Each structure stands twice: as structure tokens, then as C-alpha cells.
Protein backbone atom coordinates (compact mmCIF):
# COMPACT_ATOMS: atom_id res chain seq x y z
CA MET A 1 0.00 0.00 0.00
CA LYS A 2 1.00 3.65 -0.31
CA LEU A 3 0.44 6.02 2.60
CA SER A 4 -1.26 9.14 1.32
CA HIS A 5 0.32 11.86 3.43
CA LEU A 6 3.15 10.34 5.45
CA SER A 7 5.70 10.92 2.72
CA MET A 8 5.16 14.65 3.26
CA LEU A 9 6.43 14.21 6.83
CA ILE A 10 9.93 13.36 5.67
CA ALA A 11 11.53 16.70 6.44
CA SER A 12 14.68 18.01 4.86
CA ALA A 13 16.52 17.13 8.05
CA PHE A 14 16.17 13.47 7.13
CA LEU A 15 17.34 13.59 3.51
CA PHE A 16 20.47 11.47 3.16
CA SER A 17 23.02 13.05 0.87
CA CYS A 18 26.72 13.81 0.99
CA LYS A 19 27.80 17.15 -0.36
CA PRO A 20 31.12 17.58 -2.13
CA ALA A 21 33.89 19.27 -0.22
CA GLY A 22 33.48 23.02 -0.22
CA ALA A 23 29.69 22.91 -0.44
CA ASP A 24 27.61 25.01 1.94
CA GLU A 25 27.56 22.78 5.02
CA ASP A 26 24.90 24.79 6.81
CA ALA A 27 22.41 25.06 3.97
CA VAL A 28 19.11 23.34 4.71
CA ASN A 29 16.84 21.99 1.99
CA THR A 30 13.43 23.57 2.42
CA THR A 31 11.65 21.96 -0.51
CA ALA A 32 9.93 19.28 1.63
CA LYS A 33 6.96 20.52 3.66
CA VAL A 34 6.46 19.25 7.18
CA ASP A 35 2.86 18.44 8.16
CA LYS A 36 2.66 19.64 11.77
CA SER A 37 -0.89 18.41 12.38
CA ALA A 38 -1.62 15.25 14.34
CA ILE A 39 -1.32 11.91 12.59
CA VAL A 40 -3.63 8.95 13.18
CA LEU A 41 -2.35 5.46 12.47
CA THR A 42 -5.31 3.11 12.41
CA ASN A 43 -6.25 -0.48 11.54
CA ALA A 44 -3.01 -1.61 13.13
CA VAL A 45 -1.75 -4.22 15.58
CA ILE A 46 -0.21 -2.16 18.38
CA TYR A 47 2.38 -3.94 20.50
CA GLN A 48 1.32 -4.52 24.14
CA HIS A 49 -2.05 -2.85 23.51
CA GLN A 50 -4.18 -5.83 22.58
CA ALA A 51 -7.52 -4.00 22.55
CA ALA A 52 -6.24 -1.04 20.54
CA ASP A 53 -6.04 -0.52 16.80
CA THR A 54 -5.36 3.21 16.58
CA MET A 55 -2.59 5.57 17.63
CA VAL A 56 -2.60 9.37 17.50
CA ILE A 57 0.71 11.21 17.22
CA LYS A 58 0.77 14.91 18.04
CA ASP A 59 3.73 17.27 18.44
CA GLY A 60 6.13 14.37 18.08
CA ARG A 61 4.62 12.37 20.96
CA ILE A 62 2.15 9.57 21.36
CA ALA A 63 -1.08 11.32 22.32
CA PHE A 64 -3.56 8.43 22.21
CA ILE A 65 -3.67 4.63 21.99
CA GLY A 66 -7.08 2.95 21.77
CA ASN A 67 -9.79 2.07 19.30
CA ALA A 68 -10.73 4.05 16.22
CA GLU A 69 -14.17 5.04 17.47
CA THR A 70 -12.78 6.70 20.58
CA ALA A 71 -10.07 8.41 18.55
CA GLN A 72 -12.68 9.88 16.23
CA LYS A 73 -14.58 11.31 19.18
CA GLN A 74 -11.47 12.84 20.74
CA TYR A 75 -10.12 14.15 17.41
CA PRO A 76 -13.25 14.92 15.34
CA ASN A 77 -11.61 17.46 13.05
CA LEU A 78 -8.49 15.51 12.21
CA SER A 79 -8.24 14.49 8.56
CA ASN A 80 -4.81 12.83 8.48
CA TRP A 81 -5.85 9.21 9.05
CA GLN A 82 -3.52 6.50 7.79
CA ASP A 83 -4.88 2.98 7.31
CA LEU A 84 -2.05 0.53 8.09
CA GLU A 85 -4.10 -2.45 6.84
CA GLY A 86 -3.25 -4.67 9.79
CA ALA A 87 0.48 -3.90 9.99
CA PHE A 88 2.30 -4.12 13.32
CA ILE A 89 3.38 -1.02 15.26
CA GLY A 90 6.20 -1.53 17.73
CA PRO A 91 8.53 0.74 19.67
CA GLY A 92 11.58 1.83 17.74
CA PHE A 93 14.47 -0.54 18.36
CA ILE A 94 17.37 0.55 20.56
CA ASP A 95 20.80 -0.85 19.71
CA ASN A 96 22.87 -0.45 22.86
CA HIS A 97 26.26 -1.13 21.23
CA ASN A 98 26.66 0.00 17.64
CA HIS A 99 29.60 1.45 15.70
CA VAL A 100 27.38 3.52 13.40
CA PHE A 101 30.04 6.18 12.76
CA GLU A 102 32.59 3.80 11.30
CA ALA A 103 30.56 0.78 10.19
CA ASP A 104 29.65 2.17 6.77
CA ALA A 105 32.49 4.68 6.37
CA GLU A 106 34.69 4.62 3.30
CA ILE A 107 37.79 5.29 5.38
CA GLY A 108 39.39 1.95 6.18
CA GLY A 109 37.66 0.29 3.25
CA ASP A 110 40.34 0.64 0.59
CA CYS A 111 40.92 -3.11 0.52
CA ASP A 112 38.45 -5.79 1.62
CA LEU A 113 39.99 -9.16 2.45
CA SER A 114 36.93 -10.63 4.14
CA ASP A 115 36.00 -12.89 1.20
CA ALA A 116 39.50 -14.35 0.88
CA ARG A 117 39.85 -17.74 2.50
CA ASN A 118 43.62 -18.17 2.76
CA ILE A 119 46.89 -16.28 2.64
CA ARG A 120 47.15 -16.54 -1.14
CA GLY A 121 43.68 -15.07 -1.40
CA TYR A 122 44.88 -12.17 0.73
CA GLU A 123 47.82 -11.67 -1.60
CA GLN A 124 45.63 -11.61 -4.71
CA GLU A 125 43.28 -9.05 -3.16
CA LEU A 126 46.17 -6.89 -1.99
CA ILE A 127 47.74 -6.89 -5.45
CA GLN A 128 44.42 -5.74 -6.88
CA CYS A 129 44.12 -3.01 -4.24
CA LYS A 130 47.65 -1.81 -4.99
CA ARG A 131 46.54 -0.97 -8.51
CA GLU A 132 44.14 1.61 -7.05
CA LEU A 133 46.93 3.57 -5.35
CA VAL A 134 48.42 6.65 -6.97
CA PRO A 135 51.67 5.51 -8.62
CA GLU A 136 54.89 6.50 -6.84
CA SER A 137 52.99 8.09 -3.95
CA ASP A 138 53.16 7.66 -0.20
CA GLU A 139 49.38 7.20 0.03
CA TRP A 140 48.08 5.03 2.88
CA LEU A 141 46.29 1.79 2.10
CA MET A 142 43.70 1.11 4.81
CA GLY A 143 41.83 -2.17 4.59
CA TYR A 144 40.07 -4.73 6.73
CA GLY A 145 38.93 -8.33 6.95
CA HIS A 146 41.98 -10.49 7.68
CA GLU A 147 41.89 -13.30 10.22
CA LEU A 148 44.69 -13.43 12.74
CA ALA A 149 44.98 -17.22 12.62
CA THR A 150 45.53 -17.10 8.86
CA LEU A 151 48.40 -14.64 9.22
CA LEU A 152 49.99 -16.71 11.97
CA SER A 153 49.97 -19.75 9.66
CA LEU A 154 52.55 -18.13 7.38
CA THR A 155 55.78 -20.16 7.21
CA ASP A 156 57.81 -18.88 4.23
CA GLU A 157 57.78 -15.29 5.40
CA SER A 158 56.40 -13.22 8.24
CA PRO A 159 53.23 -11.12 7.91
CA LEU A 160 55.50 -8.05 7.93
CA GLU A 161 57.73 -9.41 5.19
CA MET A 162 54.71 -10.25 3.03
CA LEU A 163 53.31 -6.72 3.20
CA ASP A 164 56.77 -5.21 2.69
CA ARG A 165 57.22 -7.31 -0.44
CA LEU A 166 53.89 -6.16 -1.84
CA PHE A 167 54.09 -2.54 -0.62
CA PRO A 168 57.70 -1.35 -0.31
CA SER A 169 56.75 2.36 -0.43
CA ASN A 170 53.18 2.83 0.74
CA PRO A 171 52.19 2.58 4.41
CA VAL A 172 49.62 -0.19 4.90
CA VAL A 173 47.29 -1.06 7.77
CA ILE A 174 44.70 -3.84 7.56
CA MET A 175 42.16 -4.09 10.38
CA GLU A 176 40.82 -7.43 11.56
CA GLN A 177 36.99 -7.38 11.54
CA THR A 178 36.63 -6.82 15.29
CA SER A 179 39.26 -4.00 15.16
CA HIS A 180 41.36 -5.72 17.83
CA SER A 181 44.34 -6.52 15.61
CA MET A 182 46.11 -4.68 12.79
CA TRP A 183 48.34 -6.07 10.06
CA VAL A 184 50.92 -3.46 9.08
CA ASN A 185 54.06 -3.02 7.01
CA SER A 186 57.42 -1.41 7.82
CA LYS A 187 56.46 1.94 6.28
CA ALA A 188 53.46 2.18 8.60
CA LEU A 189 55.53 1.14 11.62
CA GLN A 190 58.10 3.80 10.75
CA LEU A 191 55.45 6.53 10.58
CA ALA A 192 54.12 5.38 13.95
CA GLY A 193 57.60 5.47 15.47
CA LEU A 194 57.64 1.74 16.24
CA ASN A 195 60.73 -0.47 16.02
CA ASP A 196 62.27 -3.58 17.57
CA LYS A 197 62.97 -1.70 20.81
CA SER A 198 59.49 -0.23 21.25
CA ALA A 199 57.67 -1.18 24.42
CA ASP A 200 54.10 -2.43 24.44
CA PRO A 201 51.65 0.40 25.16
CA GLN A 202 49.12 0.12 27.98
CA GLY A 203 46.30 -2.10 26.74
CA GLY A 204 48.18 -3.28 23.66
CA ARG A 205 50.67 -5.77 22.36
CA ILE A 206 53.34 -5.53 19.64
CA LEU A 207 53.55 -9.11 18.42
CA ARG A 208 57.09 -10.28 17.70
CA GLU A 209 58.84 -13.15 15.98
CA THR A 210 60.85 -15.62 18.06
CA ASP A 211 64.01 -13.61 17.46
CA GLY A 212 62.38 -10.45 18.84
CA SER A 213 61.84 -8.76 15.48
CA LEU A 214 58.51 -7.17 14.63
CA SER A 215 55.94 -9.51 13.07
CA GLY A 216 53.74 -6.84 11.50
CA ILE A 217 50.85 -7.63 13.85
CA LEU A 218 49.67 -5.14 16.46
CA LEU A 219 47.12 -6.26 19.03
CA ASP A 220 44.46 -4.13 20.69
CA ASN A 221 45.63 -0.65 21.74
CA ALA A 222 48.94 -1.01 19.90
CA GLY A 223 46.95 -1.29 16.68
CA ASP A 224 44.46 1.43 17.64
CA ARG A 225 47.23 3.97 18.01
CA LEU A 226 48.68 3.29 14.56
CA PHE A 227 45.28 3.14 12.92
CA GLU A 228 44.49 6.59 14.33
CA ILE A 229 47.60 8.00 12.65
CA ALA A 230 46.48 6.55 9.33
CA TRP A 231 42.89 7.75 9.79
CA ASN A 232 43.88 11.33 10.52
CA GLN A 233 46.02 11.49 7.37
CA GLN A 234 43.16 10.65 5.02
CA PRO A 235 42.17 13.34 2.48
CA ASP A 236 38.98 15.42 2.81
CA LEU A 237 38.43 14.01 6.28
CA GLN A 238 35.49 16.24 7.25
CA ASN A 239 33.43 15.29 4.22
CA ALA A 240 34.35 11.62 4.55
CA HIS A 241 33.14 11.65 8.16
CA LYS A 242 29.85 13.25 7.22
CA CYS A 243 29.18 10.87 4.33
CA GLY A 244 30.04 7.81 6.41
CA LEU A 245 27.83 8.87 9.29
CA LEU A 246 24.88 9.74 7.05
CA ASN A 247 25.21 6.33 5.40
CA GLY A 248 25.22 4.67 8.79
CA LEU A 249 22.19 6.61 10.00
CA ARG A 250 20.31 5.68 6.86
CA GLN A 251 20.90 2.00 7.54
CA LEU A 252 19.73 2.39 11.13
CA ALA A 253 16.45 3.87 9.92
CA GLU A 254 16.00 1.14 7.33
CA ASN A 255 16.29 -1.43 10.12
CA GLY A 256 13.80 0.16 12.50
CA ILE A 257 16.45 1.51 14.89
CA THR A 258 15.59 4.86 16.46
CA THR A 259 18.18 4.96 19.26
CA VAL A 260 21.78 3.76 19.52
CA GLY A 261 24.39 3.52 22.20
CA ASP A 262 27.63 4.49 20.50
CA GLY A 263 30.09 1.61 20.61
CA ARG A 264 33.10 3.91 20.86
CA LEU A 265 33.88 7.52 19.94
CA TYR A 266 37.47 8.14 18.90
CA TRP A 267 37.33 11.83 19.72
CA LYS A 268 40.93 12.49 18.67
CA ARG A 269 39.85 11.70 15.11
CA GLY A 270 37.35 14.54 15.01
CA TRP A 271 34.30 12.31 15.13
CA LEU A 272 32.43 14.36 17.70
CA ASP A 273 32.57 17.44 15.45
CA THR A 274 30.60 15.54 12.82
CA TRP A 275 27.97 14.36 15.27
CA GLN A 276 27.49 17.87 16.58
CA GLN A 277 27.33 19.30 13.08
CA LEU A 278 24.51 16.94 12.12
CA GLU A 279 22.67 17.76 15.32
CA ARG A 280 22.90 21.49 14.54
CA GLN A 281 21.70 20.87 10.99
CA LYS A 282 18.83 18.71 12.30
CA LYS A 283 20.01 15.76 10.25
CA LEU A 284 20.13 13.17 13.02
CA THR A 285 17.63 10.40 12.39
CA ALA A 286 18.20 8.56 15.67
CA ARG A 287 18.82 9.33 19.30
CA VAL A 288 22.46 8.70 20.08
CA SER A 289 24.26 8.22 23.37
CA ILE A 290 27.81 9.22 22.45
CA ARG A 291 30.50 7.40 24.44
CA PRO A 292 33.93 9.07 24.17
CA TRP A 293 36.71 6.54 24.41
CA ILE A 294 39.23 6.56 27.23
CA TYR A 295 42.67 6.33 25.65
CA PRO A 296 44.39 3.89 28.04
CA ALA A 297 47.98 4.96 27.34
CA ASP A 298 47.35 8.73 27.40
CA PRO A 299 47.43 11.07 30.42
CA ALA A 300 44.16 11.25 32.31
CA ALA A 301 43.93 14.98 33.05
CA PRO A 302 43.47 16.22 29.45
CA GLN A 303 40.93 13.48 28.81
CA LEU A 304 38.87 14.40 31.86
CA GLU A 305 38.96 18.04 30.80
CA PHE A 306 37.68 17.11 27.34
CA PHE A 307 34.89 15.00 28.84
CA ARG A 308 33.91 17.88 31.11
CA LYS A 309 33.69 20.29 28.18
CA VAL A 310 31.52 18.06 25.97
CA TYR A 311 29.20 16.76 28.71
CA GLN A 312 25.58 16.87 27.52
CA PRO A 313 23.12 15.01 29.78
CA ASP A 314 19.78 16.40 28.52
CA PRO A 315 17.76 13.28 27.52
CA ASN A 316 15.38 15.35 25.41
CA ARG A 317 18.09 16.21 22.91
CA LEU A 318 18.95 13.67 20.23
CA LEU A 319 22.65 13.75 21.13
CA VAL A 320 23.45 12.74 24.72
CA ILE A 321 26.97 12.56 26.18
CA ASN A 322 27.04 11.21 29.73
CA GLN A 323 28.86 7.87 29.44
CA VAL A 324 32.41 7.02 28.39
CA LYS A 325 33.60 3.86 26.70
CA LEU A 326 36.46 2.00 28.29
CA TYR A 327 37.94 -1.43 27.81
CA SER A 328 38.65 -3.83 30.63
CA ASP A 329 40.38 -6.36 28.37
CA GLY A 330 40.85 -7.54 24.78
CA LEU A 331 39.78 -10.66 22.84
CA LEU A 332 40.02 -14.39 23.51
CA HIS A 333 41.61 -15.35 20.20
CA ASN A 334 44.20 -12.60 20.63
CA GLY A 335 45.06 -13.96 24.06
CA THR A 336 44.30 -10.48 25.41
CA ALA A 337 40.95 -11.10 27.11
CA ARG A 338 41.64 -11.18 30.86
CA LEU A 339 40.99 -14.61 32.39
CA LEU A 340 40.89 -15.75 35.99
CA GLN A 341 42.73 -18.96 35.06
CA PRO A 342 45.49 -19.26 32.42
CA TYR A 343 44.85 -19.83 28.74
CA ARG A 344 45.19 -23.39 27.54
CA GLN A 345 47.36 -21.94 24.77
CA THR A 346 48.06 -18.38 23.68
CA ILE A 347 50.11 -16.36 21.21
CA ASN A 348 51.30 -14.35 24.22
CA PRO A 349 52.93 -16.94 26.50
CA ASP A 350 54.27 -14.23 28.82
CA LEU A 351 50.66 -13.07 29.37
CA PRO A 352 49.18 -16.36 30.62
CA THR A 353 45.87 -14.77 31.71
CA GLY A 354 45.68 -11.97 29.13
CA LEU A 355 46.03 -8.24 29.67
CA ASP A 356 44.25 -5.27 31.19
CA TYR A 357 43.48 -2.34 28.93
CA ILE A 358 43.17 -0.35 32.13
CA ALA A 359 44.60 -1.84 35.33
CA PRO A 360 42.01 -2.70 38.02
CA ASP A 361 43.07 0.06 40.43
CA GLN A 362 43.18 2.57 37.56
CA MET A 363 39.67 1.60 36.53
CA LYS A 364 38.38 2.28 40.03
CA TRP A 365 40.08 5.67 39.96
CA TRP A 366 38.63 6.48 36.54
CA LEU A 367 35.05 5.67 37.55
CA VAL A 368 35.26 7.82 40.67
CA GLU A 369 36.77 10.77 38.79
CA LEU A 370 34.23 10.43 35.98
CA ASP A 371 31.39 10.39 38.48
CA LYS A 372 32.54 13.80 39.72
CA ILE A 373 31.84 15.29 36.29
CA GLY A 374 28.60 13.39 35.68
CA TYR A 375 29.73 10.40 33.64
CA GLY A 376 28.90 6.72 33.82
CA ALA A 377 30.64 4.09 31.70
CA HIS A 378 29.99 1.42 29.08
CA ILE A 379 32.72 -1.18 29.61
CA HIS A 380 34.06 -3.78 27.18
CA ALA A 381 34.57 -7.04 29.09
CA ILE A 382 35.19 -10.37 27.34
CA GLY A 383 36.95 -12.68 29.80
CA ASP A 384 35.84 -13.68 33.27
CA GLY A 385 38.77 -11.74 34.69
CA GLY A 386 37.87 -8.66 32.67
CA THR A 387 34.28 -8.93 33.86
CA ARG A 388 35.34 -9.42 37.50
CA ASN A 389 37.66 -6.40 37.37
CA ALA A 390 34.97 -4.19 35.83
CA LEU A 391 32.38 -5.22 38.44
CA ASP A 392 34.89 -4.60 41.22
CA ALA A 393 35.49 -1.11 39.83
CA VAL A 394 31.77 -0.35 39.73
CA ALA A 395 31.37 -1.70 43.27
CA PHE A 396 34.10 0.68 44.41
CA ALA A 397 32.44 3.62 42.63
CA ARG A 398 29.08 2.73 44.21
CA GLN A 399 30.71 2.66 47.64
CA GLU A 400 32.05 6.14 46.92
CA GLY A 401 28.48 7.30 46.22
CA SER A 402 28.17 7.05 42.45
CA ALA A 403 24.65 6.70 41.03
CA GLN A 404 25.76 6.83 37.39
CA LEU A 405 24.77 4.48 34.57
CA TYR A 406 27.13 1.52 34.18
CA GLY A 407 26.99 -1.32 31.71
CA LEU A 408 29.23 -4.17 30.59
CA THR A 409 29.18 -5.38 27.02
CA HIS A 410 30.12 -8.66 25.24
CA LEU A 411 30.43 -10.77 28.43
CA GLU A 412 31.56 -13.94 26.69
CA LEU A 413 32.87 -15.69 29.81
CA VAL A 414 31.45 -14.95 33.27
CA GLN A 415 31.83 -16.83 36.53
CA VAL A 416 28.70 -18.05 38.33
CA GLU A 417 29.32 -15.92 41.41
CA ASP A 418 29.34 -12.74 39.29
CA PHE A 419 25.89 -13.00 37.66
CA GLY A 420 24.06 -11.75 40.74
CA ARG A 421 26.36 -8.74 41.04
CA PHE A 422 24.86 -7.14 37.95
CA LYS A 423 21.49 -6.61 39.60
CA GLN A 424 23.07 -5.88 42.99
CA LEU A 425 25.26 -3.12 41.53
CA SER A 426 22.70 -1.89 38.95
CA VAL A 427 25.00 -2.82 36.08
CA ASP A 428 23.41 -3.49 32.69
CA ALA A 429 24.48 -6.61 30.80
CA ASP A 430 24.74 -6.15 27.02
CA MET A 431 25.28 -9.07 24.65
CA GLN A 432 25.37 -9.81 20.93
CA ILE A 433 23.63 -12.92 19.63
CA GLY A 434 23.00 -12.04 15.99
CA ASN A 435 25.29 -14.69 14.53
CA GLU A 436 25.06 -18.37 13.66
CA GLY A 437 27.76 -19.49 16.07
CA THR A 438 25.95 -18.13 19.12
CA LEU A 439 22.58 -19.36 17.86
CA HIS A 440 23.81 -22.96 17.72
CA ALA A 441 26.12 -22.69 20.77
CA ASP A 442 29.03 -23.52 18.49
CA HIS A 443 31.97 -22.41 20.58
CA HIS A 444 34.47 -24.98 19.35
CA TRP A 445 36.56 -22.09 17.98
CA ALA A 446 37.46 -21.17 21.57
CA GLU A 447 38.55 -24.63 22.73
CA PRO A 448 42.22 -24.22 21.73
CA TRP A 449 42.46 -21.21 24.05
CA LEU A 450 40.04 -22.17 26.83
CA GLY A 451 39.61 -25.92 26.71
CA HIS A 452 36.26 -27.67 26.33
CA GLU A 453 34.74 -26.89 29.72
CA ARG A 454 35.21 -23.13 29.64
CA ALA A 455 34.31 -22.90 25.96
CA ALA A 456 31.05 -24.73 26.62
CA HIS A 457 30.00 -21.97 29.03
CA LEU A 458 30.55 -19.04 26.68
CA MET A 459 27.76 -16.53 26.03
CA PRO A 460 25.66 -17.28 29.15
CA VAL A 461 22.64 -15.23 28.11
CA ARG A 462 20.01 -17.12 30.06
CA ALA A 463 22.01 -16.87 33.30
CA PHE A 464 21.72 -13.08 33.22
CA LEU A 465 17.95 -13.35 32.87
CA ALA A 466 17.77 -15.81 35.76
CA ALA A 467 19.85 -13.45 37.91
CA GLY A 468 17.47 -10.56 37.25
CA ALA A 469 19.99 -8.39 35.40
CA ASN A 470 18.81 -5.69 33.01
CA LEU A 471 19.78 -7.55 29.83
CA THR A 472 20.10 -5.70 26.53
CA LEU A 473 20.80 -7.06 23.08
CA SER A 474 22.84 -5.19 20.51
CA SER A 475 24.51 -5.69 17.14
CA ASP A 476 28.07 -4.39 17.61
CA TRP A 477 27.53 -3.47 13.96
CA ASN A 478 29.30 -4.25 11.73
CA VAL A 479 30.64 -7.25 13.63
CA ASN A 480 27.12 -8.76 13.56
CA GLU A 481 24.01 -8.20 11.47
CA LEU A 482 22.39 -4.81 12.04
CA ASN A 483 18.79 -6.04 11.78
CA PRO A 484 17.34 -6.37 15.34
CA LEU A 485 14.83 -8.98 14.16
CA ILE A 486 17.65 -11.47 13.63
CA SER A 487 18.74 -11.21 17.26
CA ILE A 488 15.14 -11.33 18.50
CA ALA A 489 14.48 -14.49 16.50
CA ASN A 490 17.78 -16.01 17.61
CA ALA A 491 16.88 -15.29 21.24
CA LEU A 492 13.94 -17.68 20.93
CA GLU A 493 16.08 -20.48 19.50
CA LEU A 494 19.42 -20.18 21.30
CA LYS A 495 20.65 -23.69 21.92
CA GLY A 496 20.42 -24.23 25.68
CA GLN A 497 19.94 -20.49 26.26
CA ALA A 498 16.55 -19.66 24.72
CA PHE A 499 14.63 -16.69 26.09
CA PRO A 500 11.35 -17.63 27.81
CA ASP A 501 9.19 -15.66 25.37
CA VAL A 502 9.28 -13.11 22.58
CA ASP A 503 8.34 -10.23 24.88
CA THR A 504 11.55 -10.77 26.85
CA ALA A 505 13.53 -10.67 23.61
CA ILE A 506 11.80 -7.52 22.36
CA ALA A 507 12.33 -5.83 25.74
CA ALA A 508 16.08 -6.47 25.45
CA TYR A 509 16.08 -4.43 22.23
CA THR A 510 13.71 -1.70 23.44
CA ILE A 511 12.81 -0.74 27.01
CA ASN A 512 15.76 -2.50 28.68
CA ALA A 513 18.15 -0.66 26.39
CA ALA A 514 16.32 2.62 27.06
CA LYS A 515 16.91 2.08 30.77
CA ALA A 516 20.60 1.36 30.14
CA LEU A 517 20.91 4.67 28.30
CA GLY A 518 18.89 6.68 30.81
CA LEU A 519 16.20 7.33 28.19
CA ALA A 520 13.30 5.26 29.52
CA GLU A 521 11.19 8.38 30.15
CA GLN A 522 11.58 9.39 26.51
CA THR A 523 11.49 6.18 24.49
CA GLY A 524 11.59 2.38 24.56
CA SER A 525 7.86 1.60 24.73
CA LEU A 526 4.57 2.63 23.15
CA THR A 527 3.29 4.78 26.00
CA VAL A 528 1.11 7.88 25.87
CA GLY A 529 3.31 10.89 26.53
CA LYS A 530 6.53 9.31 25.25
CA ALA A 531 8.19 10.30 22.00
CA ALA A 532 6.68 8.76 18.89
CA ASP A 533 9.76 6.63 18.15
CA LEU A 534 8.24 3.65 16.43
CA VAL A 535 8.51 1.09 13.70
CA VAL A 536 5.86 -0.38 11.40
CA ILE A 537 6.47 -4.00 10.36
CA ASP A 538 4.54 -6.08 7.86
CA GLN A 539 3.62 -8.78 10.41
CA ASP A 540 3.00 -9.17 14.12
CA ILE A 541 6.43 -10.25 15.39
CA SER A 542 5.01 -10.78 18.89
CA ARG A 543 3.03 -13.78 17.58
CA ALA A 544 5.24 -15.03 14.76
CA LYS A 545 7.57 -18.01 14.70
CA PRO A 546 11.31 -17.18 14.70
CA ALA A 547 11.68 -17.96 11.00
CA LYS A 548 8.90 -15.50 10.19
CA ILE A 549 10.38 -12.86 12.48
CA ARG A 550 13.65 -13.03 10.54
CA GLN A 551 11.75 -12.54 7.27
CA ALA A 552 9.61 -9.63 8.47
CA LYS A 553 9.95 -6.36 6.56
CA PHE A 554 10.33 -2.86 7.92
CA LEU A 555 7.72 -0.60 6.34
CA LEU A 556 8.12 2.63 8.25
CA THR A 557 10.39 4.11 10.92
CA MET A 558 9.48 7.26 12.85
CA LEU A 559 11.55 9.39 15.22
CA ASN A 560 9.72 12.03 17.25
CA GLY A 561 6.71 11.49 15.00
CA LYS A 562 8.62 12.19 11.78
CA VAL A 563 9.23 9.59 9.12
CA VAL A 564 12.92 8.77 8.79
CA TYR A 565 12.38 5.68 6.63
CA GLN A 566 9.54 4.52 4.42
CA SER A 567 9.75 1.35 2.36
CA PRO A 568 9.50 2.04 -1.39
CA ASP A 569 6.66 -0.50 -1.52
CA TYR A 570 4.66 1.12 1.27
């Protein structure tokens, strides 16, 4: 069907276009007219309002939910009625951990190795990418998609020697999909000031060959620091940031997402300027909780001063800044996730239980100091040691009087005695289940590092529910699929971990996430008085089987009562 008037509600603020460099950045398209009258959505299935079929939206908020007859009596002069023909209205989805700024950016996408299956496939792709570089230039090549295990299988040459052979003049950095390892060549290392004598930075690891020479692999914060150098040297950076972010926002809207918790803001790359520019230009199509990253190897005082200056806690604005992002540990397959017991095997034998991005005592200090300037924290924790350290830090901050928002994300390995601490300490638990491995409890990949017993207990989603934690689901886009319906369907079929019902799964992607972001008064449910952040789907996902949920189509997405996405077929 075609909605007769809703297309007129798509204001210029929500037109997705990237202007060429030098264009008027502050110009606003005024060709689209905004209908400021109330809108009535009728003949609909309205989530958690079984007796209702009609919703009235006025001044960007939900003004009425009930039946059509009552709506007609209360709004007798309203002409803008939209017949949804039985479609489902749900609250807009809230993705509590999403890298929207960088997920669809062109920067870092010069060379995609993700479809290559072996080292020779990498070489063929890299040779092709080299042809795109300006001849005899010192242009950076920034790519992504390698697998660390594939690089470590090299025998004839080291990863560094391979890239040096292919790129003797151009600096090269290739990011592994999760961003926790970088493959680099000697030119890149030289520009970053790294050599055989360089020490590992806090939270990072410079991987070396057995003779102590550099391997060309940088783990965690060691790779982040080099990647930032490469990023900041890209041409036309301001326009590239804007285009990438607008592309990301468009995909959020297409997938029914009206609010996101930023996975990580690299503020030394100028990302915050772009967010603030789009807010000023009224081009944000989602609420966003920006989480500036704590740089673990950098002095604390300048970072705290920056956080103080950019603090923005008003939940009624689309851009909120009142949480930081910090890492407790790294990744299991890097051997950098912090464990309570040693790895079964690791590429870092001198780090038998992994590493701390931020040492436990430092983390306690950070949370207390951040509390003084109004900040909570969203904390990356993969290993059971990383989780334990993060919870201990929150416990310390609570003892010191903090009432801030705290959440831990990923939570792949957690000890039984720590589940109850999440509710006790008011710490949100955020997890990602939108992938086939988690769906089928296929954790064999982790057995070489953890052994069978620990690997079998990875991703303990159901244990958080049983412990009464505020559990949220998220995508970690683009590590997992962006579409929330995939995670909601997976939640109902998780092998040995299935959610008790679909409402619990939907809550993890709506109201639970709103609570985690401090936005539950504004969004997260279809409630009279809340913002009209909603999604229209072609079938009732609250009654559908998981396979049907995965196939459901987004027809319409609204933020504050304005259409930010409308399916071409609707």
C-alpha cells in the first residue's frame, strides 16, 4: 500500500546526501513541507495494547492509543488518518552497542579481504588493491577483513615481510573485523615510530617473531594507536566523516532503529565534530548516546577536561553525552581477554591470563573521577577476569556514592558468582547474539584457548535473565548483522539459552536498552506521553515463529513522530 500523506512528513533534516567538499555545510533543503498536524495510524496491531487498533501522534509524541471510534470522538476534526491495513506497530528498536560512525564509512575500506579464505587469497586481493593507489605516492592503504589465525599460519615469510614485499613504499594497515588486531608493514611502523625496541603500550601488544623482530601484527591498543595515525592522514576528512555517518544513520532507519548507544567515539579523530554538526543541521535520524573513548595509554587529566567540556546530559536532545567507553580487556583469540585462570594456549605466553586495557586500580580511579563530572561508563569485558575487574570497579564507585549508569558489554565468559552482582550493583548486561555461532552454541573455535569446559560456558545469556539483570541485546555493527529482528528471532532459538518468550527478547532491544541509556522516560515503549519513536512492520512479530520474524519487513520508521524511513513499496 501507499500512505497518502506520510511521505510529506519526511523533512529536509532526514534527507540522506553527501555534499562535495566546499559545499555550503549549513544550507538546509526547504523543498519538503512538514505536516505539523496530528497523525492517526489506524487499523493496526499495536504492541502490548491488545484491545487497541489506533494511535494518535501529536507534536512528536504519542497522544492516544485505543480504538478508532474513541479516537474519532477525541479528534473529530483531524483528517490525516492512515490505514495501516493490519500492519504491526512496535517501539523503535534501541541498539545499545553499535559502531554507526565507522561501520559504513569509506575510510578503512580501501581493501576488503573478508571474502579471501587463505593467505594466497589475501595476496591476490592486496595486489588488486595496490593498482588503485596513486603511482609512486606515499598514500596510505587502509583495509580490513583479515583473520589473525591465517596470518599466523605463514611459514615462508612473516606477515610483515609479506606486506613489505607487496608494498615497499606505501604505508599499509589492515584491520581485523573486530578492530582488535592490525596487520601493518614497515612503512606504517616507521610513521608510527615503532621499532624492535618499542615497548608495548598500555592495553596493547606488539607481536614479535621468536628472534624479537617485529611480526607486522599489532594487538588491541597497539593497533588502535597506529590506525588513528592513518585515519587522521586521510584526504577530505570532514566530508568523509559526514558521508560515512549519514550512510550509517540511513541504515539504522532502514532497520527500524531509532536509538543507539555508541560503541566507541574516537574523539581524537574529530568524530564528535561531525555528530554535533549533524545535530545542529537537524540531520540526526536517531537518538544517540555518544560514548567518548578513554585512551588507556594517554594522560588522564586532558581526557577528563575534554569529557567535562563536551558533557551533555539532557535526555530530550537527540545527542546525549554522559557515558564514556572504556575497555577492561581484549579478545580471547588474541590472548588479550583477561581470564581468571590461564589460557590453555596463547600467542602471548608471557601473558598467561591476558592483559588489562586499564589496570584494576586505575579503573576504580577512573570511575570515581568520571562520576565527579557526571559520567557513567559502558565497559568492554570479554573474559571472566575482565568482567570481574569491571564489576569490582563499579562496586568501588558505588561505595564512593556514584549513582551513574554503568553497563558491561560482550560478556563472553562470566563466573557463576558474578551474575548476581549485575542486579546488585545496577550494572546493565549487554550481549550480541545475531550470529550463527551463538545461535547454535558452536563455541568450538574457543577450545584451543580455553579448553572444552570453559568454551562450553561461553555466552551465558540465560544466566543473566535468571539473575534478574537488566539484559540488553545489541549488534556491535558491523561485527554482527544490524537487523534487530535477527537477534530477537535467535533469542527464541538459542541452543540451551533460549529466552522464555518473545516479549523478553523484544524488551532487550527496546525498554531494557532505554533504561541502560537513561532514556526510559523518553522512548523504549509505546506509551502515551513518550516520544513517537516507532517502527511499522509487515507482520506481528510478537506472535510469529522465529523464521517469520527473521523474514519480516520494515515498512516505516518514525523518530519524534517524523518519518525517517519509508519502504519504497509502502
